[in-house]
């Protein structure tokens, strides 16, 4: 429960895209590096979720009247110290994966890994958690989009091309959209707890519009490399997710109850994963 498996597609998806883009340039992909990047990203995400569970409970943000699933620390299901130890273990496993990646791709990966872990801890931890200041979506866009896609590409190629950053934009938008749904669901309890997420700052109506804009902008930006004369028309393949994307947008727009928004959260994760699998497939067909 504390690992929040519904959020994990946001971790797998960008690694698939960055690696598939690298495959358009080289046939001899380093599959061990791919596995280390994927596992390292998953351990960082799980560590972030555990840290968030622990920190929110300490700050009183996860109350009994929240619409989302029960949090293990606030709900008394697991002792806080045990959650904290699990957090350290998850980040420690991520570091082990990072050691291999540094050996393969150089010290740039140390900076990426350290920044990712620090961002995970400071989301709801530390003296001024940025998740409480409405900056969560910005950091998710950066780390689950730009950093994850470009970093996965760099692991394989030891270089950075503009296409990696271009394709990171739609991936990051969909990852951040998952957090938007989470914060729309928790808007009222976050407001009472003093957690000024972007949803609290914008209000429900404008946040719903933001979610729709992020989803549709991801679809609009994905063919940019093809439009610019790079890569192939297979970049349009993720547009096959449009009907599903529209159904998720409608669900978020029309419902306010916890079960429906929990379902929307799961579907937003599924949308990103489907979008990125199709994008990766399109890249491999290039």
C-alpha atoms as a PDB file:
ATOM      1  CA  UNK A   1       0.000   0.000   0.000  1.00  0.00           C
ATOM      2  CA  UNK A   2       2.764   2.438   0.899  1.00  0.00           C
ATOM      3  CA  UNK A   3       4.615   1.741  -2.357  1.00  0.00           C
ATOM      4  CA  UNK A   4       1.531   2.983  -4.285  1.00  0.00           C
ATOM      5  CA  UNK A   5       1.791   0.716  -7.340  1.00  0.00           C
ATOM      6  CA  UNK A   6      -0.613   2.912  -9.316  1.00  0.00           C
ATOM      7  CA  UNK A   7       2.118   5.555  -9.521  1.00  0.00           C
ATOM      8  CA  UNK A   8       4.794   3.199 -10.853  1.00  0.00           C
ATOM      9  CA  UNK A   9       3.830   3.386 -14.565  1.00  0.00           C
ATOM     10  CA  UNK A  10       5.099   6.976 -14.429  1.00  0.00           C
ATOM     11  CA  UNK A  11       8.519   5.515 -13.629  1.00  0.00           C
ATOM     12  CA  UNK A  12       8.587   2.702 -16.189  1.00  0.00           C
ATOM     13  CA  UNK A  13       7.248   4.771 -19.092  1.00  0.00           C
ATOM     14  CA  UNK A  14      10.048   7.346 -19.525  1.00  0.00           C
ATOM     15  CA  UNK A  15      12.767   4.692 -19.320  1.00  0.00           C
ATOM     16  CA  UNK A  16      11.070   2.810 -22.154  1.00  0.00           C
ATOM     17  CA  UNK A  17      10.898   5.952 -24.295  1.00  0.00           C
ATOM     18  CA  UNK A  18      14.489   7.059 -23.669  1.00  0.00           C
ATOM     19  CA  UNK A  19      15.840   3.579 -24.384  1.00  0.00           C
ATOM     20  CA  UNK A  20      13.717   3.174 -27.527  1.00  0.00           C
ATOM     21  CA  UNK A  21      14.996   6.514 -28.813  1.00  0.00           C
ATOM     22  CA  UNK A  22      18.554   5.304 -28.236  1.00  0.00           C
ATOM     23  CA  UNK A  23      17.701   2.196 -30.273  1.00  0.00           C
ATOM     24  CA  UNK A  24      17.079   4.399 -33.318  1.00  0.00           C
ATOM     25  CA  UNK A  25      20.794   5.258 -33.244  1.00  0.00           C
ATOM     26  CA  UNK A  26      22.466   2.034 -32.164  1.00  0.00           C
ATOM     27  CA  UNK A  27      21.724  -1.667 -32.485  1.00  0.00           C
ATOM     28  CA  UNK A  28      23.848  -2.820 -29.560  1.00  0.00           C
ATOM     29  CA  UNK A  29      21.810  -1.584 -26.609  1.00  0.00           C
ATOM     30  CA  UNK A  30      23.239  -2.279 -23.171  1.00  0.00           C
ATOM     31  CA  UNK A  31      20.401  -4.317 -21.679  1.00  0.00           C
ATOM     32  CA  UNK A  32      22.051  -4.515 -18.264  1.00  0.00           C
ATOM     33  CA  UNK A  33      22.163  -0.709 -18.173  1.00  0.00           C
ATOM     34  CA  UNK A  34      18.507  -0.611 -19.221  1.00  0.00           C
ATOM     35  CA  UNK A  35      17.599  -2.965 -16.369  1.00  0.00           C
ATOM     36  CA  UNK A  36      19.660  -0.940 -13.876  1.00  0.00           C
ATOM     37  CA  UNK A  37      18.055   2.325 -15.018  1.00  0.00           C
ATOM     38  CA  UNK A  38      14.575   0.815 -14.776  1.00  0.00           C
ATOM     39  CA  UNK A  39      15.136  -0.746 -11.349  1.00  0.00           C
ATOM     40  CA  UNK A  40      16.915   2.341 -10.041  1.00  0.00           C
ATOM     41  CA  UNK A  41      14.015   4.554 -11.134  1.00  0.00           C
ATOM     42  CA  UNK A  42      11.485   2.185  -9.542  1.00  0.00           C
ATOM     43  CA  UNK A  43      13.387   2.110  -6.240  1.00  0.00           C
ATOM     44  CA  UNK A  44      13.572   5.923  -6.223  1.00  0.00           C
ATOM     45  CA  UNK A  45       9.820   6.132  -6.850  1.00  0.00           C
ATOM     46  CA  UNK A  46       8.994   3.611  -4.125  1.00  0.00           C
ATOM     47  CA  UNK A  47      11.357   5.419  -1.742  1.00  0.00           C
ATOM     48  CA  UNK A  48       9.674   8.711  -2.588  1.00  0.00           C
ATOM     49  CA  UNK A  49       6.227   7.235  -1.917  1.00  0.00           C
ATOM     50  CA  UNK A  50       7.372   5.799   1.427  1.00  0.00           C
ATOM     51  CA  UNK A  51       8.985   9.100   2.383  1.00  0.00           C
ATOM     52  CA  UNK A  52       5.784  10.913   1.402  1.00  0.00           C
ATOM     53  CA  UNK A  53       3.687   8.519   3.508  1.00  0.00           C
ATOM     54  CA  UNK A  54       5.930   9.108   6.525  1.00  0.00           C
ATOM     55  CA  UNK A  55       6.266  12.893   6.130  1.00  0.00           C
ATOM     56  CA  UNK A  56       2.566  13.564   5.443  1.00  0.00           C
ATOM     57  CA  UNK A  57       1.620  11.609   8.549  1.00  0.00           C
ATOM     58  CA  UNK A  58       4.031  13.670  10.653  1.00  0.00           C
ATOM     59  CA  UNK A  59       2.588  16.898   9.261  1.00  0.00           C
ATOM     60  CA  UNK A  60      -1.023  15.777   9.726  1.00  0.00           C
ATOM     61  CA  UNK A  61      -1.892  15.906   6.025  1.00  0.00           C
ATOM     62  CA  UNK A  62      -3.282  12.334   5.790  1.00  0.00           C
ATOM     63  CA  UNK A  63      -6.413  12.515   7.925  1.00  0.00           C
ATOM     64  CA  UNK A  64      -9.207   9.963   8.282  1.00  0.00           C
ATOM     65  CA  UNK A  65     -11.581  11.932   6.033  1.00  0.00           C
ATOM     66  CA  UNK A  66      -9.307  11.875   2.963  1.00  0.00           C
ATOM     67  CA  UNK A  67     -10.892  10.362  -0.166  1.00  0.00           C
ATOM     68  CA  UNK A  68      -7.820   8.407  -1.236  1.00  0.00           C
ATOM     69  CA  UNK A  69      -6.598   5.015   0.010  1.00  0.00           C
ATOM     70  CA  UNK A  70      -5.533   4.701   3.637  1.00  0.00           C
ATOM     71  CA  UNK A  71      -1.921   5.723   4.205  1.00  0.00           C
ATOM     72  CA  UNK A  72      -0.047   3.152   6.228  1.00  0.00           C
ATOM     73  CA  UNK A  73       1.691   5.552   8.635  1.00  0.00           C
ATOM     74  CA  UNK A  74      -1.258   7.850   9.345  1.00  0.00           C
ATOM     75  CA  UNK A  75      -3.607   4.864   9.479  1.00  0.00           C
ATOM     76  CA  UNK A  76      -1.473   3.114  12.085  1.00  0.00           C
ATOM     77  CA  UNK A  77      -0.963   0.056   9.883  1.00  0.00           C
ATOM     78  CA  UNK A  78       2.839   0.216  10.078  1.00  0.00           C
ATOM     79  CA  UNK A  79       5.001   1.899  12.753  1.00  0.00           C
ATOM     80  CA  UNK A  80       6.568   5.162  11.489  1.00  0.00           C
ATOM     81  CA  UNK A  81      10.089   3.894  12.149  1.00  0.00           C
ATOM     82  CA  UNK A  82       9.455   0.847   9.967  1.00  0.00           C
ATOM     83  CA  UNK A  83       8.257   3.055   7.109  1.00  0.00           C
ATOM     84  CA  UNK A  84      11.357   5.213   7.517  1.00  0.00           C
ATOM     85  CA  UNK A  85      13.645   2.156   7.426  1.00  0.00           C
ATOM     86  CA  UNK A  86      11.878   0.921   4.285  1.00  0.00           C
ATOM     87  CA  UNK A  87      12.478   4.354   2.747  1.00  0.00           C
ATOM     88  CA  UNK A  88      16.208   4.089   3.418  1.00  0.00           C
ATOM     89  CA  UNK A  89      16.296   0.550   2.022  1.00  0.00           C
ATOM     90  CA  UNK A  90      14.545   1.641  -1.205  1.00  0.00           C
ATOM     91  CA  UNK A  91      16.896   4.551  -1.747  1.00  0.00           C
ATOM     92  CA  UNK A  92      19.854   2.330  -0.861  1.00  0.00           C
ATOM     93  CA  UNK A  93      18.859  -0.162  -3.578  1.00  0.00           C
ATOM     94  CA  UNK A  94      18.538   2.727  -6.007  1.00  0.00           C
ATOM     95  CA  UNK A  95      22.089   3.787  -5.125  1.00  0.00           C
ATOM     96  CA  UNK A  96      23.349   0.267  -5.895  1.00  0.00           C
ATOM     97  CA  UNK A  97      21.773   0.460  -9.330  1.00  0.00           C
ATOM     98  CA  UNK A  98      23.315   3.909  -9.727  1.00  0.00           C
ATOM     99  CA  UNK A  99      26.801   2.614  -8.968  1.00  0.00           C
ATOM    100  CA  UNK A 100      26.570   0.315 -11.978  1.00  0.00           C
ATOM    101  CA  UNK A 101      25.200   3.096 -14.175  1.00  0.00           C
ATOM    102  CA  UNK A 102      28.046   5.414 -13.143  1.00  0.00           C
ATOM    103  CA  UNK A 103      30.518   2.712 -14.121  1.00  0.00           C
ATOM    104  CA  UNK A 104      28.813   2.357 -17.501  1.00  0.00           C
ATOM    105  CA  UNK A 105      27.928   5.945 -18.381  1.00  0.00           C
ATOM    106  CA  UNK A 106      30.055   8.173 -16.146  1.00  0.00           C
ATOM    107  CA  UNK A 107      29.638  10.606 -13.279  1.00  0.00           C
ATOM    108  CA  UNK A 108      26.743  12.459 -14.908  1.00  0.00           C
ATOM    109  CA  UNK A 109      24.571   9.636 -13.602  1.00  0.00           C
ATOM    110  CA  UNK A 110      25.708  10.400 -10.035  1.00  0.00           C
ATOM    111  CA  UNK A 111      24.300  13.920 -10.363  1.00  0.00           C
ATOM    112  CA  UNK A 112      21.053  12.630 -11.874  1.00  0.00           C
ATOM    113  CA  UNK A 113      20.597  10.005  -9.163  1.00  0.00           C
ATOM    114  CA  UNK A 114      21.451  12.318  -6.287  1.00  0.00           C
ATOM    115  CA  UNK A 115      19.114  15.038  -7.581  1.00  0.00           C
ATOM    116  CA  UNK A 116      16.310  12.497  -8.054  1.00  0.00           C
ATOM    117  CA  UNK A 117      16.617  11.123  -4.517  1.00  0.00           C
ATOM    118  CA  UNK A 118      16.846  14.619  -3.047  1.00  0.00           C
ATOM    119  CA  UNK A 119      13.741  15.691  -4.980  1.00  0.00           C
ATOM    120  CA  UNK A 120      11.908  12.596  -3.710  1.00  0.00           C
ATOM    121  CA  UNK A 121      12.723  13.330  -0.063  1.00  0.00           C
ATOM    122  CA  UNK A 122      12.005  17.060  -0.240  1.00  0.00           C
ATOM    123  CA  UNK A 123       8.608  16.587  -1.919  1.00  0.00           C
ATOM    124  CA  UNK A 124       6.926  16.373   1.478  1.00  0.00           C
ATOM    125  CA  UNK A 125       9.983  16.269   3.760  1.00  0.00           C
ATOM    126  CA  UNK A 126      12.463  18.843   4.963  1.00  0.00           C
ATOM    127  CA  UNK A 127      11.782  22.294   6.409  1.00  0.00           C
ATOM    128  CA  UNK A 128       9.947  23.607   3.325  1.00  0.00           C
ATOM    129  CA  UNK A 129       8.536  20.737   1.244  1.00  0.00           C
ATOM    130  CA  UNK A 130       7.872  21.913  -2.304  1.00  0.00           C
ATOM    131  CA  UNK A 131       4.823  19.637  -2.566  1.00  0.00           C
ATOM    132  CA  UNK A 132       3.159  21.896   0.009  1.00  0.00           C
ATOM    133  CA  UNK A 133       3.878  24.997  -2.078  1.00  0.00           C
ATOM    134  CA  UNK A 134       2.183  23.952  -5.324  1.00  0.00           C
ATOM    135  CA  UNK A 135       5.401  22.921  -7.078  1.00  0.00           C
ATOM    136  CA  UNK A 136       4.852  19.154  -7.136  1.00  0.00           C
ATOM    137  CA  UNK A 137       3.682  19.063 -10.759  1.00  0.00           C
ATOM    138  CA  UNK A 138       6.689  21.100 -11.895  1.00  0.00           C
ATOM    139  CA  UNK A 139       9.144  18.680 -10.286  1.00  0.00           C
ATOM    140  CA  UNK A 140       7.257  15.635 -11.607  1.00  0.00           C
ATOM    141  CA  UNK A 141       7.424  17.101 -15.125  1.00  0.00           C
ATOM    142  CA  UNK A 142      11.161  17.676 -14.742  1.00  0.00           C
ATOM    143  CA  UNK A 143      12.148  14.379 -13.112  1.00  0.00           C
ATOM    144  CA  UNK A 144       9.613  11.966 -14.643  1.00  0.00           C
ATOM    145  CA  UNK A 145       9.866  13.652 -18.017  1.00  0.00           C
ATOM    146  CA  UNK A 146      13.007  15.573 -18.886  1.00  0.00           C
ATOM    147  CA  UNK A 147      15.446  13.853 -16.512  1.00  0.00           C
ATOM    148  CA  UNK A 148      14.080  10.311 -16.895  1.00  0.00           C
ATOM    149  CA  UNK A 149      13.795  10.255 -20.698  1.00  0.00           C
ATOM    150  CA  UNK A 150      17.019  12.144 -21.389  1.00  0.00           C
ATOM    151  CA  UNK A 151      18.846  10.203 -18.661  1.00  0.00           C
ATOM    152  CA  UNK A 152      17.749   6.822 -20.042  1.00  0.00           C
ATOM    153  CA  UNK A 153      18.836   7.941 -23.498  1.00  0.00           C
ATOM    154  CA  UNK A 154      22.188   9.135 -22.152  1.00  0.00           C
ATOM    155  CA  UNK A 155      22.845   5.799 -20.421  1.00  0.00           C
ATOM    156  CA  UNK A 156      22.817   4.121 -23.836  1.00  0.00           C
ATOM    157  CA  UNK A 157      24.429   6.775 -26.055  1.00  0.00           C
ATOM    158  CA  UNK A 158      26.655   8.872 -23.737  1.00  0.00           C
ATOM    159  CA  UNK A 159      25.255  11.919 -25.551  1.00  0.00           C
ATOM    160  CA  UNK A 160      22.200  14.153 -25.558  1.00  0.00           C
ATOM    161  CA  UNK A 161      20.225  15.104 -28.664  1.00  0.00           C
ATOM    162  CA  UNK A 162      17.334  17.522 -28.905  1.00  0.00           C
ATOM    163  CA  UNK A 163      14.894  14.724 -29.753  1.00  0.00           C
ATOM    164  CA  UNK A 164      15.353  13.282 -26.247  1.00  0.00           C
ATOM    165  CA  UNK A 165      14.196  16.558 -24.710  1.00  0.00           C
ATOM    166  CA  UNK A 166      11.366  16.971 -27.243  1.00  0.00           C
ATOM    167  CA  UNK A 167       9.938  13.534 -26.492  1.00  0.00           C
ATOM    168  CA  UNK A 168      10.418  14.074 -22.762  1.00  0.00           C
ATOM    169  CA  UNK A 169       7.844  16.893 -22.865  1.00  0.00           C
ATOM    170  CA  UNK A 170       4.714  14.769 -23.560  1.00  0.00           C
ATOM    171  CA  UNK A 171       5.970  12.071 -21.179  1.00  0.00           C
ATOM    172  CA  UNK A 172       6.478  14.628 -18.420  1.00  0.00           C
ATOM    173  CA  UNK A 173       3.078  16.207 -19.038  1.00  0.00           C
ATOM    174  CA  UNK A 174       1.291  12.880 -18.586  1.00  0.00           C
ATOM    175  CA  UNK A 175       3.321  12.054 -15.479  1.00  0.00           C
ATOM    176  CA  UNK A 176       2.470  15.425 -13.938  1.00  0.00           C
ATOM    177  CA  UNK A 177      -1.179  14.909 -14.915  1.00  0.00           C
ATOM    178  CA  UNK A 178      -1.276  11.862 -12.623  1.00  0.00           C
ATOM    179  CA  UNK A 179      -0.324  14.098  -9.697  1.00  0.00           C
ATOM    180  CA  UNK A 180      -2.974  16.614 -10.754  1.00  0.00           C
ATOM    181  CA  UNK A 181      -5.668  13.927 -10.386  1.00  0.00           C
ATOM    182  CA  UNK A 182      -4.276  12.958  -6.981  1.00  0.00           C
ATOM    183  CA  UNK A 183      -4.379  16.576  -5.819  1.00  0.00           C
ATOM    184  CA  UNK A 184      -7.882  17.195  -7.202  1.00  0.00           C
ATOM    185  CA  UNK A 185      -9.086  14.226  -5.180  1.00  0.00           C
ATOM    186  CA  UNK A 186      -7.359  15.443  -1.995  1.00  0.00           C
ATOM    187  CA  UNK A 187      -8.163  19.131  -2.502  1.00  0.00           C
ATOM    188  CA  UNK A 188     -10.372  19.665   0.531  1.00  0.00           C
ATOM    189  CA  UNK A 189      -8.309  17.675   3.021  1.00  0.00           C
ATOM    190  CA  UNK A 190      -5.094  19.264   1.729  1.00  0.00           C
ATOM    191  CA  UNK A 191      -6.596  22.721   2.175  1.00  0.00           C
ATOM    192  CA  UNK A 192      -7.567  21.977   5.782  1.00  0.00           C
ATOM    193  CA  UNK A 193      -4.080  20.597   6.476  1.00  0.00           C
ATOM    194  CA  UNK A 194      -2.420  23.723   5.074  1.00  0.00           C
ATOM    195  CA  UNK A 195      -1.005  21.816   2.099  1.00  0.00           C
ATOM    196  CA  UNK A 196      -1.179  24.391  -0.700  1.00  0.00           C
ATOM    197  CA  UNK A 197      -0.958  22.121  -3.715  1.00  0.00           C
ATOM    198  CA  UNK A 198      -1.567  23.482  -7.190  1.00  0.00           C
ATOM    199  CA  UNK A 199      -5.160  22.210  -6.959  1.00  0.00           C
ATOM    200  CA  UNK A 200      -5.694  24.127  -3.700  1.00  0.00           C
ATOM    201  CA  UNK A 201      -4.253  27.276  -5.264  1.00  0.00           C
ATOM    202  CA  UNK A 202      -6.210  27.052  -8.525  1.00  0.00           C
ATOM    203  CA  UNK A 203      -9.474  25.567  -7.300  1.00  0.00           C
ATOM    204  CA  UNK A 204     -11.281  22.497  -8.622  1.00  0.00           C
ATOM    205  CA  UNK A 205     -12.616  23.937 -11.892  1.00  0.00           C
ATOM    206  CA  UNK A 206      -9.337  25.398 -13.129  1.00  0.00           C
ATOM    207  CA  UNK A 207      -7.366  22.331 -12.020  1.00  0.00           C
ATOM    208  CA  UNK A 208      -9.703  20.113 -14.043  1.00  0.00           C
ATOM    209  CA  UNK A 209      -9.068  22.348 -17.050  1.00  0.00           C
ATOM    210  CA  UNK A 210      -5.332  22.109 -16.395  1.00  0.00           C
ATOM    211  CA  UNK A 211      -5.548  18.309 -16.379  1.00  0.00           C
ATOM    212  CA  UNK A 212      -7.350  18.298 -19.734  1.00  0.00           C
ATOM    213  CA  UNK A 213      -4.817  20.739 -21.200  1.00  0.00           C
ATOM    214  CA  UNK A 214      -1.865  18.627 -20.057  1.00  0.00           C
ATOM    215  CA  UNK A 215      -3.309  15.417 -21.510  1.00  0.00           C
ATOM    216  CA  UNK A 216      -4.182  16.932 -24.879  1.00  0.00           C
ATOM    217  CA  UNK A 217      -0.938  18.925 -25.075  1.00  0.00           C
ATOM    218  CA  UNK A 218       0.969  15.652 -24.652  1.00  0.00           C
ATOM    219  CA  UNK A 219      -0.765  14.339 -27.764  1.00  0.00           C
ATOM    220  CA  UNK A 220      -0.115  17.554 -29.673  1.00  0.00           C
ATOM    221  CA  UNK A 221       3.599  17.687 -28.851  1.00  0.00           C
ATOM    222  CA  UNK A 222       4.532  14.043 -29.434  1.00  0.00           C
ATOM    223  CA  UNK A 223       4.940  14.357 -33.252  1.00  0.00           C
ATOM    224  CA  UNK A 224       7.151  17.469 -32.998  1.00  0.00           C
ATOM    225  CA  UNK A 225      10.378  15.659 -34.024  1.00  0.00           C
ATOM    226  CA  UNK A 226       8.626  14.297 -37.126  1.00  0.00           C
ATOM    227  CA  UNK A 227       7.270  17.745 -37.981  1.00  0.00           C
ATOM    228  CA  UNK A 228      10.810  19.106 -37.597  1.00  0.00           C
ATOM    229  CA  UNK A 229      12.085  16.507 -40.080  1.00  0.00           C
ATOM    230  CA  UNK A 230      13.564  14.051 -37.573  1.00  0.00           C
ATOM    231  CA  UNK A 231      12.369  10.492 -36.893  1.00  0.00           C
ATOM    232  CA  UNK A 232       9.358   9.039 -38.701  1.00  0.00           C
ATOM    233  CA  UNK A 233       5.592   9.342 -38.902  1.00  0.00           C
ATOM    234  CA  UNK A 234       5.331   6.408 -36.496  1.00  0.00           C
ATOM    235  CA  UNK A 235       5.499   9.102 -33.793  1.00  0.00           C
ATOM    236  CA  UNK A 236       1.762   9.516 -34.395  1.00  0.00           C
ATOM    237  CA  UNK A 237       1.141   6.034 -32.968  1.00  0.00           C
ATOM    238  CA  UNK A 238       0.380   7.315 -29.421  1.00  0.00           C
ATOM    239  CA  UNK A 239      -2.650   9.100 -30.874  1.00  0.00           C
ATOM    240  CA  UNK A 240      -4.345   5.700 -30.669  1.00  0.00           C
ATOM    241  CA  UNK A 241      -4.795   6.512 -26.951  1.00  0.00           C
ATOM    242  CA  UNK A 242      -6.982   9.555 -27.743  1.00  0.00           C
ATOM    243  CA  UNK A 243     -10.350   7.862 -26.996  1.00  0.00           C
ATOM    244  CA  UNK A 244      -9.036   6.552 -23.669  1.00  0.00           C
ATOM    245  CA  UNK A 245      -7.492   9.942 -22.865  1.00  0.00           C
ATOM    246  CA  UNK A 246     -10.822  11.670 -23.543  1.00  0.00           C
ATOM    247  CA  UNK A 247     -12.636   9.230 -21.234  1.00  0.00           C
ATOM    248  CA  UNK A 248     -10.183   9.946 -18.398  1.00  0.00           C
ATOM    249  CA  UNK A 249     -10.583  13.700 -18.906  1.00  0.00           C
ATOM    250  CA  UNK A 250     -14.390  13.331 -18.729  1.00  0.00           C
ATOM    251  CA  UNK A 251     -14.131  11.278 -15.545  1.00  0.00           C
ATOM    252  CA  UNK A 252     -11.992  13.922 -13.834  1.00  0.00           C
ATOM    253  CA  UNK A 253     -14.269  16.734 -15.056  1.00  0.00           C
ATOM    254  CA  UNK A 254     -17.528  15.140 -13.967  1.00  0.00           C
ATOM    255  CA  UNK A 255     -16.853  13.370 -10.675  1.00  0.00           C
ATOM    256  CA  UNK A 256     -15.850  14.494  -7.207  1.00  0.00           C
ATOM    257  CA  UNK A 257     -16.345  11.300  -5.183  1.00  0.00           C
ATOM    258  CA  UNK A 258     -13.351   9.364  -3.897  1.00  0.00           C
ATOM    259  CA  UNK A 259     -13.954   6.019  -5.664  1.00  0.00           C
ATOM    260  CA  UNK A 260     -14.352   7.703  -9.059  1.00  0.00           C
ATOM    261  CA  UNK A 261     -11.253   9.855  -8.635  1.00  0.00           C
ATOM    262  CA  UNK A 262      -9.273   6.857  -7.373  1.00  0.00           C
ATOM    263  CA  UNK A 263     -10.347   5.099 -10.565  1.00  0.00           C
ATOM    264  CA  UNK A 264      -9.329   8.169 -12.573  1.00  0.00           C
ATOM    265  CA  UNK A 265      -5.917   8.127 -10.880  1.00  0.00           C
ATOM    266  CA  UNK A 266      -5.361   4.528 -11.921  1.00  0.00           C
ATOM    267  CA  UNK A 267      -6.514   5.258 -15.454  1.00  0.00           C
ATOM    268  CA  UNK A 268      -4.223   8.274 -15.718  1.00  0.00           C
ATOM    269  CA  UNK A 269      -1.315   5.969 -14.910  1.00  0.00           C
ATOM    270  CA  UNK A 270      -2.546   3.439 -17.470  1.00  0.00           C
ATOM    271  CA  UNK A 271      -2.860   6.222 -20.027  1.00  0.00           C
ATOM    272  CA  UNK A 272       0.741   7.294 -19.598  1.00  0.00           C
ATOM    273  CA  UNK A 273       1.990   3.724 -19.797  1.00  0.00           C
ATOM    274  CA  UNK A 274      -0.057   2.963 -22.935  1.00  0.00           C
ATOM    275  CA  UNK A 275       1.010   6.251 -24.521  1.00  0.00           C
ATOM    276  CA  UNK A 276       4.691   5.570 -23.836  1.00  0.00           C
ATOM    277  CA  UNK A 277       4.557   1.922 -24.919  1.00  0.00           C
ATOM    278  CA  UNK A 278       3.084   3.052 -28.236  1.00  0.00           C
ATOM    279  CA  UNK A 279       5.669   5.842 -28.482  1.00  0.00           C
ATOM    280  CA  UNK A 280       8.476   3.384 -27.809  1.00  0.00           C
ATOM    281  CA  UNK A 281       7.015   1.030 -30.413  1.00  0.00           C
ATOM    282  CA  UNK A 282       6.834   3.878 -32.916  1.00  0.00           C
ATOM    283  CA  UNK A 283      10.474   4.713 -32.253  1.00  0.00           C
ATOM    284  CA  UNK A 284      11.516   1.086 -32.727  1.00  0.00           C
ATOM    285  CA  UNK A 285       9.628   1.037 -36.046  1.00  0.00           C
ATOM    286  CA  UNK A 286      11.482   4.157 -37.223  1.00  0.00           C
END
